[in-house]
Amino acid sequence: MLRLVPFVLVVSIFCLERVGTTSLCGEQPHLCIHMQLKEELSSNGSSVPSKAKALESPEYVGHRAIYQATTTYDSVLYGGMATLSVHEFQTIKSGQHILASITVGNVQQGHKDHTNAVHAGWAIQPSLYGDSKTHFSIRWTADGYRSTGCIDLNCNGFVPVNYAPITPGDSLEGQNKISIKILKKKDDGDWWLYYGHDGQNIAPVGFWPKSLFNRLADHANMIHWGGYTGSFQGDLSPPMGNGRWPGANSGTFQDAQYINDDGQGYAPSPSPHSDVSHKNCYQIGAFTNGMFSYGGPGGCTN
C-alpha cells in the first residue's frame, strides 16, 4: 500500500487556558485531553488559533461525558476501538462545538508539556468547518497541545493512504454509525487509524508516524471514549450526542475495547470509570459489555 504525504499548511494549536485561573493543562494534564480548541478562521479558511485573542475573549467552557481507561502511568496499551452513533444538529452556531471521539494517549505525572495523544471521531464545529454539518475529525499533539499537532490535515503529521474509505474533515451526512480503530502496528511502530460503517468494512485511513511523538512512540497508557461540547461562558451549551439523556434512544458507543500488540480487540479490565463535567446538562450510562449511552440537552452557561 502506498503512503501519500499531504502538502498542507503547518499551524499550531494550544490547550486553552481558563481566564483568571490556573491552566487545567498544568494542574491536571489528563484533562488536557478533553480540552477543546478555540479557533480563529483566517481569510483563506485555514484554522489559525490566537492565544492572546482567546484569553481576551469571554471564557470558553468545555464539557465532557466520557469513560476513561482505569489505568496508571505505568500501564501499557496499544490502541482502542469503538463504534459511535453519528448525529446532526444544523442549529449549532459559530462559537459552539459538539464532538464524540476515541482518544489514545500517553500522560506522565509531572510532565505537563509531554502529553502525547491522538483522537478520532465526529465533530460539529462551524468555526472550523464553515458549516453545521457533522464531519469526520482527527487531531494529535506531542506536547500537551502547546505547539505541536493540529485538527484533520491542517499540518504535516497524519499521513493518509491510497484508497482510504474517508478523508479527515469529510462530511458524515447520511451515516448512522461509524467504527474507529486506533492501534500501534508491530511492523512499523506507527499509530494507524481505521474506519468503517457499523463494524463493517473497516479499512485504513492513514497513520501518525511514531517519529511525531516521544512518550507515545512506544505505547499508550490512557484511552477515553465519549462526548464533548464547548461554548462561550454565558451562552447556552449545545446538546451532546443526539441531545437526549442516556437511554435506549440516546447517543451510544458500542464495542469499546482495548487493542493488543497483535491488533486484536479485548475487553477493558478493570472496567473504565466515568467522568462527567456537569450532570445537570449531560450524563452517561453504565458501561456494559463494551457499550454505553451518553448525552443530554445542554443548556449550561458555565
Protein backbone atom coordinates (compact mmCIF):
# COMPACT_ATOMS: atom_id res chain seq x y z
CA MET A 1 0.00 0.00 0.00
CA LEU A 2 1.40 3.36 -0.98
CA ARG A 3 1.64 6.11 1.60
CA LEU A 4 0.85 9.63 0.49
CA VAL A 5 2.32 12.55 2.39
CA PRO A 6 -0.02 15.55 2.09
CA PHE A 7 1.30 19.03 1.40
CA VAL A 8 -0.57 21.17 3.90
CA LEU A 9 -0.15 24.40 5.82
CA VAL A 10 1.55 23.95 9.16
CA VAL A 11 -0.35 25.56 12.05
CA SER A 12 -0.12 25.33 15.81
CA ILE A 13 -2.82 24.52 18.33
CA PHE A 14 -2.89 25.13 22.03
CA CYS A 15 -4.55 23.99 25.19
CA LEU A 16 -6.98 26.78 26.02
CA GLU A 17 -6.36 28.28 29.43
CA ARG A 18 -9.26 29.38 31.59
CA VAL A 19 -9.18 33.11 32.14
CA GLY A 20 -8.19 34.09 35.66
CA THR A 21 -7.45 30.53 36.76
CA THR A 22 -4.54 28.15 36.60
CA SER A 23 -4.36 26.24 33.32
CA LEU A 24 -6.10 22.89 33.57
CA CYS A 25 -3.34 21.51 31.36
CA GLY A 26 -0.84 22.48 34.04
CA GLU A 27 -2.67 21.28 37.13
CA GLN A 28 -4.29 18.18 35.66
CA PRO A 29 -2.56 17.07 32.44
CA HIS A 30 -5.07 14.31 31.74
CA LEU A 31 -7.79 16.95 31.41
CA CYS A 32 -5.83 18.49 28.57
CA ILE A 33 -7.06 15.56 26.50
CA HIS A 34 -10.63 16.85 26.94
CA MET A 35 -9.82 20.45 26.17
CA GLN A 36 -11.45 21.80 23.04
CA LEU A 37 -9.83 24.47 20.97
CA LYS A 38 -10.97 27.99 20.24
CA GLU A 39 -10.13 28.53 16.59
CA GLU A 40 -9.93 31.77 14.65
CA LEU A 41 -10.59 31.38 10.92
CA SER A 42 -8.22 33.23 8.65
CA SER A 43 -9.31 34.80 5.39
CA ASN A 44 -8.17 31.77 3.40
CA GLY A 45 -10.17 29.36 5.54
CA SER A 46 -7.25 27.81 7.39
CA SER A 47 -7.53 27.36 11.12
CA VAL A 48 -5.28 29.85 12.91
CA PRO A 49 -5.52 29.95 16.70
CA SER A 50 -4.61 33.06 18.63
CA LYS A 51 -3.83 32.53 22.31
CA ALA A 52 -3.89 36.23 23.03
CA LYS A 53 -7.31 36.67 21.47
CA ALA A 54 -8.62 33.61 23.31
CA LEU A 55 -7.52 34.95 26.66
CA GLU A 56 -9.05 38.35 25.94
CA SER A 57 -12.37 36.85 24.85
CA PRO A 58 -15.17 35.60 27.12
CA GLU A 59 -14.17 32.34 28.76
CA TYR A 60 -14.70 29.27 26.60
CA VAL A 61 -16.20 26.37 28.55
CA GLY A 62 -15.76 22.72 27.61
CA HIS A 63 -17.92 19.84 28.93
CA ARG A 64 -17.50 16.09 28.72
CA ALA A 65 -19.31 12.84 29.45
CA ILE A 66 -16.74 10.11 28.93
CA TYR A 67 -15.34 6.81 30.08
CA GLN A 68 -11.64 6.66 30.92
CA ALA A 69 -9.50 3.57 30.97
CA THR A 70 -8.77 2.53 34.55
CA THR A 71 -5.00 2.61 34.12
CA THR A 72 -1.88 4.02 35.75
CA TYR A 73 1.08 5.99 34.45
CA ASP A 74 2.91 2.64 34.10
CA SER A 75 0.18 0.92 32.08
CA VAL A 76 0.98 -0.28 28.56
CA LEU A 77 -1.74 -0.08 25.89
CA TYR A 78 -1.51 -0.43 22.12
CA GLY A 79 -4.80 1.03 20.98
CA GLY A 80 -8.55 1.35 21.30
CA MET A 81 -11.68 0.93 19.23
CA ALA A 82 -15.42 1.57 19.25
CA THR A 83 -18.50 2.08 17.08
CA LEU A 84 -20.06 5.52 17.55
CA SER A 85 -23.57 6.65 16.71
CA VAL A 86 -23.48 9.75 14.47
CA HIS A 87 -25.83 12.71 14.90
CA GLU A 88 -26.64 16.01 13.20
CA PHE A 89 -27.54 19.42 14.61
CA GLN A 90 -27.98 22.07 11.93
CA THR A 91 -28.70 24.68 14.61
CA ILE A 92 -25.17 24.66 16.07
CA LYS A 93 -23.60 28.09 15.56
CA SER A 94 -20.11 29.52 15.39
CA GLY A 95 -18.55 29.51 18.84
CA GLN A 96 -20.11 26.14 19.73
CA HIS A 97 -18.94 22.62 19.06
CA ILE A 98 -20.05 19.02 19.62
CA LEU A 99 -17.70 16.05 19.45
CA ALA A 100 -17.71 12.32 20.03
CA SER A 101 -14.36 10.60 19.87
CA ILE A 102 -11.84 7.99 20.92
CA THR A 103 -8.62 9.31 22.44
CA VAL A 104 -5.43 7.28 22.78
CA GLY A 105 -2.59 8.91 24.65
CA ASN A 106 0.35 8.81 26.98
CA VAL A 107 0.28 11.08 30.03
CA GLN A 108 3.09 11.27 32.59
CA GLN A 109 2.80 12.72 36.08
CA GLY A 110 4.72 15.94 36.49
CA HIS A 111 5.37 16.33 32.76
CA LYS A 112 2.50 18.50 31.57
CA ASP A 113 4.31 19.51 28.38
CA HIS A 114 4.91 15.89 27.37
CA THR A 115 1.31 14.74 26.91
CA ASN A 116 1.03 12.80 23.64
CA ALA A 117 -2.39 11.96 22.18
CA VAL A 118 -4.29 11.12 19.02
CA HIS A 119 -8.06 11.45 18.59
CA ALA A 120 -10.65 10.34 16.03
CA GLY A 121 -14.43 10.67 15.86
CA TRP A 122 -17.06 13.07 14.60
CA ALA A 123 -17.42 16.80 15.17
CA ILE A 124 -19.81 19.65 14.52
CA GLN A 125 -17.72 22.82 14.66
CA PRO A 126 -18.88 25.68 12.41
CA SER A 127 -15.93 27.94 13.26
CA LEU A 128 -13.59 25.27 11.90
CA TYR A 129 -15.51 23.67 9.05
CA GLY A 130 -17.57 26.64 7.90
CA ASP A 131 -20.89 24.79 8.24
CA SER A 132 -23.06 22.97 10.78
CA LYS A 133 -22.61 19.55 9.21
CA THR A 134 -21.16 16.56 11.04
CA HIS A 135 -17.58 15.84 9.96
CA PHE A 136 -15.10 13.04 10.45
CA SER A 137 -12.48 14.64 12.67
CA ILE A 138 -9.00 13.72 13.88
CA ARG A 139 -6.28 15.53 15.86
CA TRP A 140 -2.94 14.93 17.54
CA THR A 141 -0.41 16.53 19.88
CA ALA A 142 3.09 15.70 21.11
CA ASP A 143 3.43 18.38 23.79
CA GLY A 144 0.17 18.79 25.66
CA TYR A 145 -1.42 20.96 22.95
CA ARG A 146 1.25 23.64 23.34
CA SER A 147 2.84 23.95 19.90
CA THR A 148 2.53 20.65 18.03
CA GLY A 149 -0.27 18.95 16.17
CA CYS A 150 -3.49 20.07 14.53
CA ILE A 151 -7.00 19.06 13.53
CA ASP A 152 -7.53 16.93 10.40
CA LEU A 153 -4.90 17.66 7.71
CA ASN A 154 -4.16 21.26 8.69
CA CYS A 155 -0.49 20.49 9.29
CA ASN A 156 2.13 17.90 8.45
CA GLY A 157 1.75 14.87 10.68
CA PHE A 158 -1.06 12.46 9.83
CA VAL A 159 -0.30 10.56 6.62
CA PRO A 160 -3.32 9.46 4.51
CA VAL A 161 -3.06 6.30 2.41
CA ASN A 162 -4.31 5.49 -1.07
CA TYR A 163 -7.89 4.29 -1.41
CA ALA A 164 -8.85 5.29 2.13
CA PRO A 165 -12.59 4.96 2.86
CA ILE A 166 -12.71 8.56 4.15
CA THR A 167 -10.53 11.65 4.47
CA PRO A 168 -10.27 13.60 7.74
CA GLY A 169 -12.62 16.57 7.53
CA ASP A 170 -15.12 14.83 5.23
CA SER A 171 -18.84 15.22 5.90
CA LEU A 172 -20.63 12.28 7.52
CA GLU A 173 -24.06 13.13 6.14
CA GLY A 174 -26.25 10.05 5.92
CA GLN A 175 -24.14 7.97 8.32
CA ASN A 176 -25.78 6.41 11.37
CA LYS A 177 -22.79 4.66 12.95
CA ILE A 178 -19.06 4.74 12.31
CA SER A 179 -16.41 2.34 13.60
CA ILE A 180 -12.95 3.55 14.55
CA LYS A 181 -9.78 1.69 15.48
CA ILE A 182 -6.56 3.38 16.58
CA LEU A 183 -3.67 0.96 17.03
CA LYS A 184 0.09 0.80 17.11
CA LYS A 185 1.29 -1.63 14.46
CA LYS A 186 4.05 -4.09 15.22
CA ASP A 187 5.72 -3.92 11.82
CA ASP A 188 6.36 -0.16 11.64
CA GLY A 189 5.50 1.09 15.14
CA ASP A 190 3.28 3.86 13.76
CA TRP A 191 -0.20 4.68 15.09
CA TRP A 192 -2.72 3.60 12.46
CA LEU A 193 -6.31 4.82 12.08
CA TYR A 194 -9.00 2.51 10.66
CA TYR A 195 -12.56 3.47 9.72
CA GLY A 196 -15.71 1.54 8.85
CA HIS A 197 -19.51 1.62 8.97
CA ASP A 198 -21.23 -0.03 11.95
CA GLY A 199 -18.42 -2.54 12.43
CA GLN A 200 -18.23 -3.48 8.76
CA ASN A 201 -15.63 -2.93 6.02
CA ILE A 202 -13.05 -1.43 8.36
CA ALA A 203 -10.14 -0.14 6.30
CA PRO A 204 -7.05 2.02 6.91
CA VAL A 205 -7.37 5.81 6.65
CA GLY A 206 -3.73 6.59 7.37
CA PHE A 207 -1.26 6.82 10.21
CA TRP A 208 0.51 9.11 12.66
CA PRO A 209 4.24 8.31 12.36
CA LYS A 210 5.83 7.30 15.65
CA SER A 211 8.51 9.92 14.94
CA LEU A 212 5.93 12.63 15.80
CA PHE A 213 5.91 11.55 19.42
CA ASN A 214 8.15 10.93 22.39
CA ARG A 215 6.01 9.27 25.07
CA LEU A 216 3.52 7.79 22.60
CA ALA A 217 6.29 6.50 20.33
CA ASP A 218 6.47 3.33 22.44
CA HIS A 219 2.99 2.79 23.88
CA ALA A 220 -0.12 4.44 25.33
CA ASN A 221 -1.29 4.44 28.92
CA MET A 222 -4.67 6.15 28.56
CA ILE A 223 -7.80 5.72 26.42
CA HIS A 224 -11.03 7.75 26.54
CA TRP A 225 -14.37 7.20 24.84
CA GLY A 226 -17.20 9.74 24.93
CA GLY A 227 -18.76 13.07 24.10
CA TYR A 228 -17.70 16.70 24.42
CA THR A 229 -19.21 20.13 23.91
CA GLY A 230 -17.95 23.69 24.04
CA SER A 231 -19.34 27.22 24.11
CA PHE A 232 -18.59 30.65 25.50
CA GLN A 233 -19.43 31.30 29.12
CA GLY A 234 -22.84 32.92 29.35
CA ASP A 235 -24.08 31.20 26.19
CA LEU A 236 -26.18 28.07 26.47
CA SER A 237 -24.03 24.99 25.90
CA PRO A 238 -25.08 22.83 22.92
CA PRO A 239 -26.57 19.33 23.09
CA MET A 240 -24.31 16.30 23.40
CA GLY A 241 -24.74 13.04 21.50
CA ASN A 242 -28.21 13.30 19.97
CA GLY A 243 -29.42 15.69 22.66
CA ARG A 244 -31.25 13.04 24.71
CA TRP A 245 -30.43 11.77 28.16
CA PRO A 246 -28.67 8.38 28.24
CA GLY A 247 -31.02 5.54 27.39
CA ALA A 248 -32.34 3.38 24.60
CA ASN A 249 -32.76 6.29 22.19
CA SER A 250 -29.67 8.35 23.01
CA GLY A 251 -26.17 8.57 21.56
CA THR A 252 -24.10 5.42 22.05
CA PHE A 253 -20.64 3.89 21.95
CA GLN A 254 -20.56 0.17 21.19
CA ASP A 255 -17.77 -2.41 21.12
CA ALA A 256 -15.48 -0.13 23.16
CA GLN A 257 -12.33 -2.18 23.58
CA TYR A 258 -8.58 -2.07 24.04
CA ILE A 259 -6.36 -3.41 21.26
CA ASN A 260 -3.39 -5.67 21.99
CA ASP A 261 0.01 -5.65 20.28
CA ASP A 262 -1.31 -8.14 17.70
CA GLY A 263 -4.08 -5.75 16.66
CA GLN A 264 -6.87 -7.71 18.31
CA GLY A 265 -9.57 -6.16 20.47
CA TYR A 266 -10.22 -7.22 24.05
CA ALA A 267 -12.49 -6.08 26.87
CA PRO A 268 -11.12 -3.43 29.23
CA SER A 269 -10.35 -4.81 32.68
CA PRO A 270 -10.94 -3.40 35.18
CA SER A 271 -13.91 -1.57 33.71
CA PRO A 272 -13.38 2.06 32.65
CA HIS A 273 -14.63 4.77 35.00
CA SER A 274 -16.93 7.63 34.07
CA ASP A 275 -16.15 11.35 34.11
CA VAL A 276 -18.99 13.86 33.65
CA SER A 277 -18.28 17.57 33.97
CA HIS A 278 -21.83 18.93 34.50
CA LYS A 279 -24.55 16.40 35.36
CA ASN A 280 -27.34 18.97 35.12
CA CYS A 281 -26.73 19.18 31.38
CA TYR A 282 -25.06 15.89 30.40
CA GLN A 283 -24.92 12.35 31.73
CA ILE A 284 -23.53 8.94 30.87
CA GLY A 285 -24.99 5.46 31.23
CA ALA A 286 -23.46 2.29 32.63
CA PHE A 287 -20.56 0.65 30.79
CA THR A 288 -21.88 -2.84 30.00
CA ASN A 289 -20.29 -5.34 27.59
CA GLY A 290 -18.35 -2.59 25.88
CA MET A 291 -21.38 -0.38 25.35
CA PHE A 292 -22.68 2.80 26.97
CA SER A 293 -25.13 5.59 26.21
CA TYR A 294 -24.43 9.25 26.81
CA GLY A 295 -25.65 12.77 26.07
CA GLY A 296 -28.01 15.45 27.21
CA PRO A 297 -29.79 18.61 26.10
CA GLY A 298 -27.07 21.02 27.23
CA GLY A 299 -28.15 24.45 28.36
CA CYS A 300 -25.27 25.09 30.78
CA THR A 301 -23.83 28.61 30.89
CA ASN A 302 -20.67 27.79 32.84
